[in-house]
Amino acid sequence: MSKIEDIKITRRTLNQLKFNESGLIPAIIQDDRTKDVLMLAYMNIDSLKQTLKIGKTCFWSRSRKEYWVKGMTSGNFQFVKGIFYDCDADTLLIKVRQVGAACHTNRKSCFYRRLK
């Protein structure tokens, strides 16, 4: 998939997705070019629909209890290239073209620390 317009979500597919008891589904964000895992965030049905509509990732903030489009304040947008779901239909994998840093610490990825 190369354009967000190519990504269609049918009602049947939407009904297959398993949102948790809070109405959320985890979304793993991956760089489409490098395949690096950039971050993990949560979506609800409305933020998923908004993501499809605008072609940029939109999430539900569990701490702030509000929607947020990645990059709206930092300029580090994530342009959606493809959306996939796992075999259990309870996790999304969103491939993006990342502009700037993905992490709020200004690092490329949120996964920069290793357990020792």
N, C-alpha and C. Protein backbone atom coordinates (compact mmCIF):
# COMPACT_ATOMS: atom_id res chain seq x y z
N MET A 1 0.83 -1.18 0.00
CA MET A 1 0.00 0.00 0.00
C MET A 1 0.88 1.24 0.00
N SER A 2 0.59 2.12 -0.90
CA SER A 2 1.43 3.29 -0.98
C SER A 2 0.70 4.59 -0.67
N LYS A 3 -0.61 4.58 -0.72
CA LYS A 3 -1.37 5.79 -0.44
C LYS A 3 -2.44 5.49 0.59
N ILE A 4 -2.74 6.47 1.42
CA ILE A 4 -3.79 6.29 2.42
C ILE A 4 -5.13 6.04 1.73
N GLU A 5 -5.33 6.59 0.52
CA GLU A 5 -6.59 6.38 -0.19
C GLU A 5 -6.80 4.90 -0.51
N ASP A 6 -5.69 4.14 -0.58
CA ASP A 6 -5.79 2.72 -0.89
C ASP A 6 -6.24 1.90 0.33
N ILE A 7 -6.20 2.51 1.51
CA ILE A 7 -6.57 1.79 2.73
C ILE A 7 -8.06 1.95 2.97
N LYS A 8 -8.76 0.86 2.86
CA LYS A 8 -10.20 0.86 3.09
C LYS A 8 -10.47 -0.04 4.28
N ILE A 9 -11.37 0.39 5.12
CA ILE A 9 -11.76 -0.47 6.23
C ILE A 9 -13.25 -0.74 6.09
N THR A 10 -13.57 -1.99 5.93
CA THR A 10 -14.97 -2.36 5.77
C THR A 10 -15.60 -2.55 7.14
N ARG A 11 -16.91 -2.47 7.17
CA ARG A 11 -17.64 -2.69 8.42
C ARG A 11 -17.35 -4.09 8.95
N ARG A 12 -17.20 -5.06 8.05
CA ARG A 12 -16.89 -6.42 8.48
C ARG A 12 -15.53 -6.49 9.18
N THR A 13 -14.52 -5.84 8.58
CA THR A 13 -13.19 -5.81 9.18
C THR A 13 -13.25 -5.08 10.53
N LEU A 14 -13.94 -3.96 10.56
CA LEU A 14 -14.07 -3.20 11.79
C LEU A 14 -14.71 -4.03 12.89
N ASN A 15 -15.71 -4.80 12.54
CA ASN A 15 -16.38 -5.67 13.51
C ASN A 15 -15.49 -6.81 13.99
N GLN A 16 -14.48 -7.16 13.20
CA GLN A 16 -13.56 -8.23 13.60
C GLN A 16 -12.55 -7.76 14.64
N LEU A 17 -12.25 -6.46 14.63
CA LEU A 17 -11.26 -5.94 15.58
C LEU A 17 -11.78 -6.05 17.00
N LYS A 18 -10.88 -6.45 17.90
CA LYS A 18 -11.25 -6.66 19.30
C LYS A 18 -10.68 -5.54 20.15
N PHE A 19 -11.51 -4.56 20.44
CA PHE A 19 -11.14 -3.47 21.34
C PHE A 19 -11.31 -3.98 22.77
N ASN A 20 -10.48 -3.52 23.68
CA ASN A 20 -10.56 -3.99 25.07
C ASN A 20 -11.78 -3.41 25.78
N GLU A 21 -11.92 -3.73 27.06
CA GLU A 21 -13.08 -3.29 27.83
C GLU A 21 -13.19 -1.76 27.93
N SER A 22 -12.09 -1.06 27.69
CA SER A 22 -12.11 0.40 27.68
C SER A 22 -12.34 0.96 26.27
N GLY A 23 -12.55 0.06 25.31
CA GLY A 23 -12.79 0.49 23.94
C GLY A 23 -11.53 0.83 23.18
N LEU A 24 -10.38 0.31 23.65
CA LEU A 24 -9.09 0.64 23.04
C LEU A 24 -8.44 -0.59 22.42
N ILE A 25 -7.58 -0.32 21.45
CA ILE A 25 -6.77 -1.36 20.82
C ILE A 25 -5.35 -0.83 20.71
N PRO A 26 -4.35 -1.63 21.08
CA PRO A 26 -2.96 -1.16 20.95
C PRO A 26 -2.56 -1.04 19.48
N ALA A 27 -1.78 -0.02 19.20
CA ALA A 27 -1.30 0.22 17.84
C ALA A 27 0.22 0.34 17.87
N ILE A 28 0.89 -0.61 17.25
CA ILE A 28 2.34 -0.58 17.12
C ILE A 28 2.65 0.24 15.87
N ILE A 29 3.53 1.22 16.01
CA ILE A 29 3.88 2.08 14.89
C ILE A 29 5.27 1.69 14.39
N GLN A 30 5.36 1.41 13.09
CA GLN A 30 6.60 0.94 12.48
C GLN A 30 6.97 1.83 11.30
N ASP A 31 8.24 2.15 11.19
CA ASP A 31 8.73 2.90 10.04
C ASP A 31 8.63 2.02 8.80
N ASP A 32 7.90 2.48 7.81
CA ASP A 32 7.65 1.69 6.60
C ASP A 32 8.93 1.40 5.83
N ARG A 33 9.88 2.29 5.87
CA ARG A 33 11.12 2.14 5.10
C ARG A 33 12.15 1.30 5.85
N THR A 34 12.44 1.67 7.11
CA THR A 34 13.51 0.99 7.87
C THR A 34 13.03 -0.24 8.63
N LYS A 35 11.73 -0.34 8.83
CA LYS A 35 11.09 -1.42 9.62
C LYS A 35 11.34 -1.28 11.12
N ASP A 36 11.92 -0.17 11.57
CA ASP A 36 12.12 0.07 13.00
C ASP A 36 10.77 0.24 13.69
N VAL A 37 10.63 -0.34 14.88
CA VAL A 37 9.45 -0.10 15.69
C VAL A 37 9.65 1.24 16.37
N LEU A 38 8.71 2.16 16.16
CA LEU A 38 8.87 3.52 16.65
C LEU A 38 8.19 3.77 17.98
N MET A 39 7.00 3.23 18.16
CA MET A 39 6.25 3.52 19.38
C MET A 39 5.04 2.60 19.47
N LEU A 40 4.39 2.67 20.62
CA LEU A 40 3.13 1.99 20.85
C LEU A 40 2.18 3.01 21.44
N ALA A 41 0.97 3.04 20.91
CA ALA A 41 -0.05 3.94 21.44
C ALA A 41 -1.38 3.20 21.36
N TYR A 42 -2.44 3.85 21.79
CA TYR A 42 -3.76 3.22 21.79
C TYR A 42 -4.73 4.01 20.93
N MET A 43 -5.63 3.27 20.29
CA MET A 43 -6.67 3.86 19.47
C MET A 43 -8.02 3.36 19.94
N ASN A 44 -9.02 4.19 19.76
CA ASN A 44 -10.39 3.71 19.87
C ASN A 44 -10.98 3.78 18.46
N ILE A 45 -12.22 3.43 18.32
CA ILE A 45 -12.81 3.38 16.98
C ILE A 45 -12.76 4.74 16.30
N ASP A 46 -13.01 5.81 17.06
CA ASP A 46 -13.03 7.15 16.46
C ASP A 46 -11.64 7.60 16.02
N SER A 47 -10.61 7.31 16.82
CA SER A 47 -9.26 7.72 16.42
C SER A 47 -8.78 6.89 15.22
N LEU A 48 -9.21 5.64 15.12
CA LEU A 48 -8.88 4.83 13.95
C LEU A 48 -9.55 5.41 12.71
N LYS A 49 -10.81 5.78 12.83
CA LYS A 49 -11.51 6.39 11.69
C LYS A 49 -10.87 7.71 11.30
N GLN A 50 -10.46 8.51 12.28
CA GLN A 50 -9.81 9.78 12.01
C GLN A 50 -8.47 9.56 11.31
N THR A 51 -7.73 8.54 11.74
CA THR A 51 -6.47 8.19 11.10
C THR A 51 -6.69 7.88 9.63
N LEU A 52 -7.71 7.10 9.34
CA LEU A 52 -8.02 6.76 7.96
C LEU A 52 -8.44 7.99 7.17
N LYS A 53 -9.16 8.88 7.80
CA LYS A 53 -9.66 10.08 7.13
C LYS A 53 -8.54 11.06 6.77
N ILE A 54 -7.63 11.31 7.72
CA ILE A 54 -6.61 12.36 7.50
C ILE A 54 -5.27 11.82 7.01
N GLY A 55 -5.06 10.49 7.11
CA GLY A 55 -3.81 9.91 6.63
C GLY A 55 -2.63 10.10 7.56
N LYS A 56 -2.89 10.58 8.78
CA LYS A 56 -1.87 10.72 9.81
C LYS A 56 -2.38 9.98 11.04
N THR A 57 -1.44 9.50 11.87
CA THR A 57 -1.88 8.75 13.05
C THR A 57 -2.58 9.66 14.06
N CYS A 58 -3.68 9.15 14.56
CA CYS A 58 -4.47 9.82 15.60
C CYS A 58 -4.71 8.78 16.69
N PHE A 59 -4.46 9.16 17.92
CA PHE A 59 -4.55 8.22 19.04
C PHE A 59 -5.48 8.75 20.12
N TRP A 60 -5.79 7.86 21.07
CA TRP A 60 -6.52 8.24 22.28
C TRP A 60 -5.51 8.24 23.42
N SER A 61 -5.38 9.37 24.10
CA SER A 61 -4.48 9.46 25.25
C SER A 61 -5.20 8.94 26.48
N ARG A 62 -4.67 7.86 27.03
CA ARG A 62 -5.28 7.29 28.24
C ARG A 62 -5.07 8.20 29.44
N SER A 63 -3.97 8.92 29.50
CA SER A 63 -3.70 9.79 30.66
C SER A 63 -4.46 11.11 30.58
N ARG A 64 -4.50 11.71 29.39
CA ARG A 64 -5.17 13.00 29.23
C ARG A 64 -6.64 12.87 28.88
N LYS A 65 -7.05 11.66 28.50
CA LYS A 65 -8.44 11.40 28.10
C LYS A 65 -8.87 12.31 26.94
N GLU A 66 -8.00 12.34 25.90
CA GLU A 66 -8.31 13.14 24.72
C GLU A 66 -7.61 12.56 23.50
N TYR A 67 -8.10 12.97 22.33
CA TYR A 67 -7.49 12.56 21.07
C TYR A 67 -6.25 13.39 20.82
N TRP A 68 -5.28 12.79 20.13
CA TRP A 68 -4.11 13.56 19.70
C TRP A 68 -3.59 13.00 18.38
N VAL A 69 -3.29 13.92 17.49
CA VAL A 69 -2.66 13.58 16.22
C VAL A 69 -1.16 13.70 16.43
N LYS A 70 -0.45 12.62 16.19
CA LYS A 70 1.00 12.62 16.37
C LYS A 70 1.62 13.69 15.47
N GLY A 71 2.36 14.60 16.09
CA GLY A 71 3.04 15.65 15.35
C GLY A 71 2.34 16.99 15.36
N MET A 72 1.13 17.05 15.91
CA MET A 72 0.37 18.30 15.88
C MET A 72 1.11 19.42 16.62
N THR A 73 1.78 19.10 17.71
CA THR A 73 2.53 20.14 18.42
C THR A 73 4.01 20.13 18.06
N SER A 74 4.57 18.97 17.76
CA SER A 74 6.01 18.86 17.49
C SER A 74 6.37 19.00 16.01
N GLY A 75 5.40 18.76 15.14
CA GLY A 75 5.69 18.74 13.71
C GLY A 75 6.22 17.40 13.23
N ASN A 76 6.37 16.44 14.14
CA ASN A 76 6.90 15.11 13.82
C ASN A 76 5.74 14.17 13.44
N PHE A 77 5.13 14.42 12.31
CA PHE A 77 3.96 13.67 11.88
C PHE A 77 4.31 12.25 11.44
N GLN A 78 3.30 11.40 11.47
CA GLN A 78 3.41 10.04 10.97
C GLN A 78 2.38 9.89 9.85
N PHE A 79 2.86 9.74 8.61
CA PHE A 79 1.98 9.59 7.47
C PHE A 79 1.76 8.10 7.22
N VAL A 80 0.51 7.68 7.28
CA VAL A 80 0.15 6.27 7.24
C VAL A 80 0.36 5.69 5.85
N LYS A 81 1.07 4.56 5.81
CA LYS A 81 1.32 3.84 4.58
C LYS A 81 0.52 2.53 4.51
N GLY A 82 0.21 1.96 5.66
CA GLY A 82 -0.56 0.72 5.70
C GLY A 82 -0.98 0.40 7.11
N ILE A 83 -2.13 -0.24 7.23
CA ILE A 83 -2.63 -0.65 8.54
C ILE A 83 -2.94 -2.14 8.47
N PHE A 84 -2.41 -2.87 9.42
CA PHE A 84 -2.57 -4.33 9.49
C PHE A 84 -3.08 -4.69 10.88
N TYR A 85 -3.70 -5.85 11.00
CA TYR A 85 -4.08 -6.34 12.32
C TYR A 85 -3.62 -7.78 12.47
N ASP A 86 -3.39 -8.17 13.73
CA ASP A 86 -2.79 -9.48 13.99
C ASP A 86 -3.82 -10.60 13.92
N CYS A 87 -3.33 -11.82 14.10
CA CYS A 87 -4.16 -13.02 13.96
C CYS A 87 -5.31 -13.07 14.96
N ASP A 88 -5.15 -12.44 16.12
CA ASP A 88 -6.21 -12.40 17.12
C ASP A 88 -7.12 -11.19 16.95
N ALA A 89 -6.77 -10.32 16.03
CA ALA A 89 -7.53 -9.09 15.74
C ALA A 89 -7.61 -8.16 16.95
N ASP A 90 -6.56 -8.23 17.82
CA ASP A 90 -6.59 -7.37 19.01
C ASP A 90 -5.41 -6.40 19.09
N THR A 91 -4.64 -6.30 18.00
CA THR A 91 -3.51 -5.37 17.93
C THR A 91 -3.37 -4.88 16.50
N LEU A 92 -3.09 -3.59 16.35
CA LEU A 92 -2.84 -3.02 15.04
C LEU A 92 -1.34 -2.82 14.83
N LEU A 93 -0.92 -2.94 13.59
CA LEU A 93 0.42 -2.57 13.16
C LEU A 93 0.22 -1.50 12.09
N ILE A 94 0.73 -0.30 12.37
CA ILE A 94 0.57 0.80 11.43
C ILE A 94 1.94 1.18 10.89
N LYS A 95 2.09 1.02 9.58
CA LYS A 95 3.35 1.38 8.93
C LYS A 95 3.23 2.83 8.47
N VAL A 96 4.27 3.61 8.80
CA VAL A 96 4.22 5.05 8.56
C VAL A 96 5.49 5.57 7.92
N ARG A 97 5.38 6.76 7.33
CA ARG A 97 6.55 7.55 6.98
C ARG A 97 6.68 8.56 8.11
N GLN A 98 7.70 8.39 8.92
CA GLN A 98 7.92 9.23 10.09
C GLN A 98 8.68 10.49 9.67
N VAL A 99 8.17 11.63 10.10
CA VAL A 99 8.87 12.90 9.90
C VAL A 99 9.44 13.29 11.26
N GLY A 100 10.76 13.40 11.35
CA GLY A 100 11.39 13.75 12.62
C GLY A 100 11.36 12.59 13.60
N ALA A 101 11.46 12.93 14.87
CA ALA A 101 11.52 11.93 15.94
C ALA A 101 10.12 11.40 16.26
N ALA A 102 10.04 10.12 16.59
CA ALA A 102 8.76 9.53 17.00
C ALA A 102 8.52 9.69 18.50
N CYS A 103 9.60 9.72 19.27
CA CYS A 103 9.50 9.76 20.73
C CYS A 103 9.43 11.21 21.23
N HIS A 104 8.66 11.41 22.30
CA HIS A 104 8.56 12.75 22.88
C HIS A 104 9.88 13.21 23.51
N THR A 105 10.86 12.27 23.65
CA THR A 105 12.19 12.63 24.16
C THR A 105 13.10 13.09 23.02
N ASN A 106 12.53 13.21 21.84
CA ASN A 106 13.22 13.63 20.62
C ASN A 106 14.16 12.56 20.07
N ARG A 107 13.90 11.30 20.42
CA ARG A 107 14.64 10.19 19.84
C ARG A 107 13.84 9.61 18.68
N LYS A 108 14.54 8.91 17.82
CA LYS A 108 13.89 8.30 16.65
C LYS A 108 12.77 7.35 17.06
N SER A 109 13.03 6.54 18.08
CA SER A 109 12.09 5.53 18.54
C SER A 109 11.90 5.66 20.05
N CYS A 110 10.73 5.27 20.52
CA CYS A 110 10.49 5.24 21.97
C CYS A 110 11.23 4.08 22.63
N PHE A 111 11.69 3.13 21.82
CA PHE A 111 12.36 1.93 22.34
C PHE A 111 13.88 2.09 22.24
N TYR A 112 14.41 2.93 23.09
CA TYR A 112 15.85 3.18 23.07
C TYR A 112 16.56 2.66 24.32
N ARG A 113 15.82 2.12 25.27
CA ARG A 113 16.43 1.59 26.49
C ARG A 113 16.38 0.07 26.49
N ARG A 114 17.46 -0.56 26.91
CA ARG A 114 17.56 -2.02 26.93
C ARG A 114 17.60 -2.50 28.37
N LEU A 115 16.87 -3.57 28.66
CA LEU A 115 16.96 -4.21 29.97
C LEU A 115 18.32 -4.86 30.10
N LYS A 116 18.92 -4.77 31.28
CA LYS A 116 20.25 -5.37 31.49
C LYS A 116 20.16 -6.47 32.50
